Amino acid sequence: MILQRNEEWPEIGELVVASVVQITNYGVYVKIDEYEKEGFLHISEISSSWVKNIRDYVQEGEKLVLKVLRVDPEKNHIDLSLRRVTRSERREKIIQWKQTKKAESLFRSVSQKLEMPIEQVYEKAGIPLEQAFGSIYEGLAKTVREGISVLLEKGIPKNLAEAITEIAKEKIRISTVKSKGILNISCPKPDGVIRIKEALKKAQAVDVARGAKIEIYTISPPKYRIKITASDHKEANDIMKRVADIAVEEIKRVGGQGTFERG
């Protein structure tokens, strides 16, 4: 959810981002950023090894990714753990938290631009994006890559969609990944060169999402380099497989031979 969840409580086992407020001899008091509630990190939950000095592990003002152990709304108390959070969980949570903050900032800019209450922006655009893409940020990133149609297709009003698209393109920088592979294709037919070119042409014509790119060029016959640029590794690998499969199948269909290897 994009707005602060002040009236809600985190669930047991949930990962939260928290700011260190006070360090004592027996533990750490924190403020949970996403819920604006206080929590406590006991010294025994800081590290799996013996902790002599808490300040060797955390500092005031530092942001931590913590796991919720216990929640008691009646006592207004939340127990947290640092040692039970893995490195990969910490990395993924920080990325998610940063994306949520960016989406929140973007929606506030839209709210100001259109003079529309932030709650209304969330209701008309945030909820549809969350439902369609799992998170508002993912929907915004897709909008940057593919344009306003992403929003209009979800029923978001045109004036709101235009403002979101404009500001999203200013605030969100889409990272890309690259994937490479080598095609070994040949054809002994008299017009083999032409058949190879046609096979590669069909492979390069594979449909991809806006922003993705397919490049095929000669290394030294019969070797041809495929280079894919996409928004993430999953998309890049999917495109690579489709391109390679089409090239190999097509050259075999016309009497040639083909294999593919990554790298």
Protein backbone atom coordinates (compact mmCIF):
# COMPACT_ATOMS: atom_id res chain seq x y z
CA MET A 1 0.00 0.00 0.00
CA ILE A 2 1.32 3.40 -0.85
CA LEU A 3 -0.05 5.43 2.04
CA GLN A 4 1.30 5.10 5.58
CA ARG A 5 -0.44 2.27 7.44
CA ASN A 6 -0.70 4.14 10.74
CA GLU A 7 -3.77 2.32 12.02
CA GLU A 8 -2.55 -1.15 11.08
CA TRP A 9 -0.16 -3.55 12.74
CA PRO A 10 2.49 -5.69 11.06
CA GLU A 11 2.01 -9.45 10.94
CA ILE A 12 4.21 -11.96 12.75
CA GLY A 13 7.01 -13.05 10.41
CA GLU A 14 6.74 -9.90 8.28
CA LEU A 15 9.88 -8.02 7.32
CA VAL A 16 9.82 -4.29 8.12
CA VAL A 17 12.14 -1.33 7.67
CA ALA A 18 12.82 0.49 10.92
CA SER A 19 14.90 3.47 12.09
CA VAL A 20 17.02 3.14 15.24
CA VAL A 21 15.78 5.66 17.82
CA GLN A 22 17.50 4.70 21.07
CA ILE A 23 20.16 2.17 22.09
CA THR A 24 20.22 0.80 25.64
CA ASN A 25 22.29 -1.85 27.39
CA TYR A 26 19.59 -4.46 26.85
CA GLY A 27 18.28 -3.64 23.40
CA VAL A 28 17.24 -1.12 20.75
CA TYR A 29 14.10 0.97 20.40
CA VAL A 30 13.11 1.60 16.80
CA LYS A 31 10.41 3.31 14.77
CA ILE A 32 8.87 1.09 12.10
CA ASP A 33 8.78 3.33 9.03
CA GLU A 34 5.93 1.61 7.17
CA TYR A 35 3.55 1.62 10.14
CA GLU A 36 4.80 4.61 12.16
CA LYS A 37 4.84 2.48 15.30
CA GLU A 38 7.53 1.80 17.85
CA GLY A 39 9.19 -1.58 18.20
CA PHE A 40 11.85 -3.19 20.36
CA LEU A 41 14.88 -5.23 19.32
CA HIS A 42 16.22 -7.21 22.29
CA ILE A 43 19.97 -7.71 22.56
CA SER A 44 19.47 -11.48 22.13
CA GLU A 45 17.89 -10.87 18.71
CA ILE A 46 20.70 -8.70 17.31
CA SER A 47 23.19 -11.41 16.38
CA SER A 48 23.58 -15.18 16.56
CA SER A 49 26.90 -14.65 18.33
CA TRP A 50 27.42 -13.04 21.74
CA VAL A 51 26.89 -9.28 21.70
CA LYS A 52 29.17 -7.38 24.06
CA ASN A 53 28.47 -3.90 22.73
CA ILE A 54 25.24 -3.24 20.81
CA ARG A 55 26.81 -0.23 19.11
CA ASP A 56 29.18 -2.56 17.30
CA TYR A 57 26.10 -3.74 15.37
CA VAL A 58 23.72 -0.76 15.12
CA GLN A 59 23.83 3.03 15.41
CA GLU A 60 21.23 5.71 16.15
CA GLY A 61 19.48 6.83 12.97
CA GLU A 62 20.44 3.68 11.07
CA LYS A 63 17.79 1.89 9.02
CA LEU A 64 17.43 -1.83 9.65
CA VAL A 65 15.43 -4.62 8.07
CA LEU A 66 13.85 -6.56 10.94
CA LYS A 67 11.55 -9.56 11.32
CA VAL A 68 8.42 -9.23 13.44
CA LEU A 69 8.39 -11.79 16.29
CA ARG A 70 5.45 -10.70 18.45
CA VAL A 71 2.70 -8.08 18.22
CA ASP A 72 0.58 -6.91 21.17
CA PRO A 73 -1.79 -4.07 20.14
CA GLU A 74 -3.21 -3.79 23.67
CA LYS A 75 0.22 -3.05 25.14
CA ASN A 76 1.27 -1.16 22.00
CA HIS A 77 4.31 -3.43 21.78
CA ILE A 78 6.16 -5.08 18.88
CA ASP A 79 9.16 -7.41 19.33
CA LEU A 80 11.61 -7.60 16.45
CA SER A 81 14.67 -9.56 15.33
CA LEU A 82 17.74 -8.66 13.30
CA ARG A 83 19.56 -11.99 13.49
CA ARG A 84 16.69 -13.88 11.84
CA VAL A 85 16.85 -11.80 8.65
CA THR A 86 18.99 -13.28 5.87
CA ARG A 87 21.21 -11.20 3.62
CA SER A 88 19.01 -11.86 0.57
CA GLU A 89 15.85 -10.97 2.54
CA ARG A 90 17.47 -7.72 3.65
CA ARG A 91 18.48 -6.81 0.10
CA GLU A 92 15.06 -7.59 -1.38
CA LYS A 93 13.21 -5.73 1.37
CA ILE A 94 15.34 -2.59 0.93
CA ILE A 95 14.71 -2.61 -2.82
CA GLN A 96 10.97 -3.02 -2.23
CA TRP A 97 10.97 -0.26 0.40
CA LYS A 98 12.82 2.17 -1.89
CA GLN A 99 10.41 1.42 -4.73
CA THR A 100 7.43 2.04 -2.45
CA LYS A 101 8.89 5.37 -1.32
CA LYS A 102 9.47 6.39 -4.93
CA ALA A 103 5.91 5.46 -5.87
CA GLU A 104 4.60 7.43 -2.89
CA SER A 105 6.66 10.49 -3.89
CA LEU A 106 5.42 10.20 -7.47
CA PHE A 107 1.77 10.00 -6.42
CA ARG A 108 2.20 13.04 -4.18
CA SER A 109 3.59 14.97 -7.15
CA VAL A 110 0.58 13.89 -9.22
CA SER A 111 -1.72 14.95 -6.38
CA GLN A 112 -0.16 18.42 -6.35
CA LYS A 113 -0.16 18.76 -10.12
CA LEU A 114 -3.86 17.90 -10.47
CA GLU A 115 -4.88 19.41 -7.10
CA MET A 116 -6.42 16.04 -6.30
CA PRO A 117 -6.33 14.51 -2.78
CA ILE A 118 -3.65 11.84 -2.48
CA GLU A 119 -6.31 9.38 -1.25
CA GLN A 120 -8.22 9.89 -4.49
CA VAL A 121 -5.09 9.36 -6.60
CA TYR A 122 -4.50 6.12 -4.76
CA GLU A 123 -8.10 4.99 -5.11
CA LYS A 124 -8.29 5.72 -8.86
CA ALA A 125 -4.79 4.64 -9.86
CA GLY A 126 -2.94 2.95 -7.02
CA ILE A 127 -5.46 0.21 -6.33
CA PRO A 128 -5.82 -0.82 -10.02
CA LEU A 129 -2.02 -0.92 -10.40
CA GLU A 130 -1.55 -3.01 -7.25
CA GLN A 131 -4.21 -5.47 -8.37
CA ALA A 132 -2.80 -5.77 -11.89
CA PHE A 133 0.95 -5.83 -11.21
CA GLY A 134 1.37 -6.76 -7.54
CA SER A 135 2.77 -3.35 -6.62
CA ILE A 136 2.24 0.24 -7.69
CA TYR A 137 5.91 0.64 -8.61
CA GLU A 138 5.82 -2.30 -11.04
CA GLY A 139 2.83 -0.72 -12.77
CA LEU A 140 4.61 2.63 -12.95
CA ALA A 141 7.78 1.03 -14.34
CA LYS A 142 5.76 -0.74 -17.01
CA THR A 143 4.14 2.60 -17.87
CA VAL A 144 7.58 4.17 -18.37
CA ARG A 145 8.56 1.30 -20.68
CA GLU A 146 5.32 0.96 -22.66
CA GLY A 147 3.48 4.26 -22.33
CA ILE A 148 0.14 5.60 -21.15
CA SER A 149 -1.83 2.68 -22.63
CA VAL A 150 -0.79 0.59 -19.60
CA LEU A 151 -2.81 2.91 -17.37
CA LEU A 152 -5.74 3.46 -19.71
CA GLU A 153 -6.21 -0.29 -20.11
CA LYS A 154 -6.68 -0.53 -16.33
CA GLY A 155 -9.51 2.01 -16.39
CA ILE A 156 -7.51 4.91 -14.98
CA PRO A 157 -9.04 8.27 -16.06
CA LYS A 158 -7.19 9.92 -18.94
CA ASN A 159 -6.23 13.14 -17.14
CA LEU A 160 -4.81 11.14 -14.23
CA ALA A 161 -3.06 8.69 -16.56
CA GLU A 162 -1.44 11.56 -18.46
CA ALA A 163 -0.11 13.16 -15.29
CA ILE A 164 1.18 9.86 -13.91
CA THR A 165 2.91 8.98 -17.19
CA GLU A 166 4.58 12.39 -17.44
CA ILE A 167 5.89 12.37 -13.88
CA ALA A 168 6.84 8.67 -13.94
CA LYS A 169 9.10 9.29 -16.94
CA GLU A 170 10.81 12.07 -14.98
CA LYS A 171 11.24 10.16 -11.73
CA ILE A 172 11.76 6.50 -12.67
CA ARG A 173 14.88 5.32 -14.41
CA ILE A 174 14.42 1.85 -15.84
CA SER A 175 17.46 -0.39 -15.45
CA THR A 176 18.18 -3.04 -18.06
CA VAL A 177 20.06 -6.32 -18.21
CA LYS A 178 21.83 -7.96 -21.13
CA SER A 179 22.00 -11.60 -22.15
CA LYS A 180 24.30 -13.07 -24.81
CA GLY A 181 24.48 -16.28 -26.77
CA ILE A 182 26.00 -17.79 -29.90
CA LEU A 183 24.17 -19.41 -32.81
CA ASN A 184 26.03 -21.94 -34.92
CA ILE A 185 24.03 -22.22 -38.15
CA SER A 186 24.94 -23.38 -41.62
CA CYS A 187 23.23 -24.48 -44.81
CA PRO A 188 24.89 -26.51 -47.61
CA LYS A 189 22.31 -25.50 -50.23
CA PRO A 190 23.44 -23.35 -53.20
CA ASP A 191 21.51 -20.43 -51.77
CA GLY A 192 22.51 -21.28 -48.21
CA VAL A 193 23.65 -17.73 -47.38
CA ILE A 194 20.24 -16.36 -48.28
CA ARG A 195 18.48 -19.05 -46.24
CA ILE A 196 20.64 -18.24 -43.22
CA LYS A 197 19.83 -14.53 -43.53
CA GLU A 198 16.11 -15.34 -43.73
CA ALA A 199 16.31 -17.56 -40.65
CA LEU A 200 18.07 -14.82 -38.68
CA LYS A 201 15.61 -12.22 -39.94
CA LYS A 202 12.66 -14.26 -38.66
CA ALA A 203 14.40 -14.79 -35.32
CA GLN A 204 15.04 -11.07 -34.93
CA ALA A 205 11.36 -10.32 -35.64
CA VAL A 206 10.20 -11.96 -32.38
CA ASP A 207 7.64 -9.82 -30.56
CA VAL A 208 9.04 -8.24 -27.39
CA ALA A 209 7.84 -5.68 -24.85
CA ARG A 210 8.59 -2.05 -25.56
CA GLY A 211 12.10 -1.24 -24.34
CA ALA A 212 13.47 -4.72 -25.02
CA LYS A 213 15.93 -5.13 -27.89
CA ILE A 214 17.22 -8.00 -30.05
CA GLU A 215 20.57 -7.77 -31.84
CA ILE A 216 22.03 -10.47 -34.10
CA TYR A 217 25.34 -10.01 -35.86
CA THR A 218 28.06 -12.10 -37.46
CA ILE A 219 31.08 -13.22 -35.46
CA SER A 220 32.57 -15.44 -38.17
CA PRO A 221 30.37 -17.85 -40.16
CA PRO A 222 28.88 -20.16 -39.02
CA LYS A 223 28.87 -18.29 -35.67
CA TYR A 224 26.40 -15.48 -35.01
CA ARG A 225 26.05 -13.47 -31.82
CA ILE A 226 22.64 -12.87 -30.22
CA LYS A 227 22.44 -10.02 -27.71
CA ILE A 228 19.24 -9.33 -25.77
CA THR A 229 18.51 -6.19 -23.76
CA ALA A 230 15.51 -6.39 -21.40
CA SER A 231 14.16 -5.07 -18.10
CA ASP A 232 15.15 -8.15 -16.07
CA HIS A 233 16.90 -11.51 -16.38
CA LYS A 234 13.69 -13.50 -16.67
CA GLU A 235 12.48 -11.45 -19.61
CA ALA A 236 15.93 -11.53 -21.26
CA ASN A 237 16.18 -15.31 -20.91
CA ASP A 238 12.68 -15.81 -22.27
CA ILE A 239 13.41 -13.67 -25.34
CA MET A 240 16.76 -15.39 -25.88
CA LYS A 241 15.13 -18.82 -25.88
CA ARG A 242 12.44 -17.79 -28.36
CA VAL A 243 14.95 -16.14 -30.70
CA ALA A 244 17.34 -19.11 -30.64
CA ASP A 245 14.55 -21.66 -31.08
CA ILE A 246 13.14 -19.86 -34.11
CA ALA A 247 16.55 -19.48 -35.75
CA VAL A 248 17.46 -23.16 -35.26
CA GLU A 249 14.03 -24.48 -36.28
CA GLU A 250 13.91 -22.29 -39.37
CA ILE A 251 17.37 -23.19 -40.65
CA LYS A 252 16.63 -26.90 -40.14
CA ARG A 253 13.34 -26.50 -41.98
CA VAL A 254 15.15 -25.24 -45.08
CA GLY A 255 17.82 -27.96 -45.06
CA GLY A 256 20.48 -26.51 -42.79
CA GLN A 257 21.85 -27.20 -39.32
CA GLY A 258 21.81 -25.14 -36.17
CA THR A 259 22.74 -25.18 -32.49
CA PHE A 260 22.75 -22.58 -29.73
CA GLU A 261 24.93 -21.98 -26.69
CA ARG A 262 24.77 -19.25 -24.04
CA GLY A 263 27.62 -16.95 -23.29
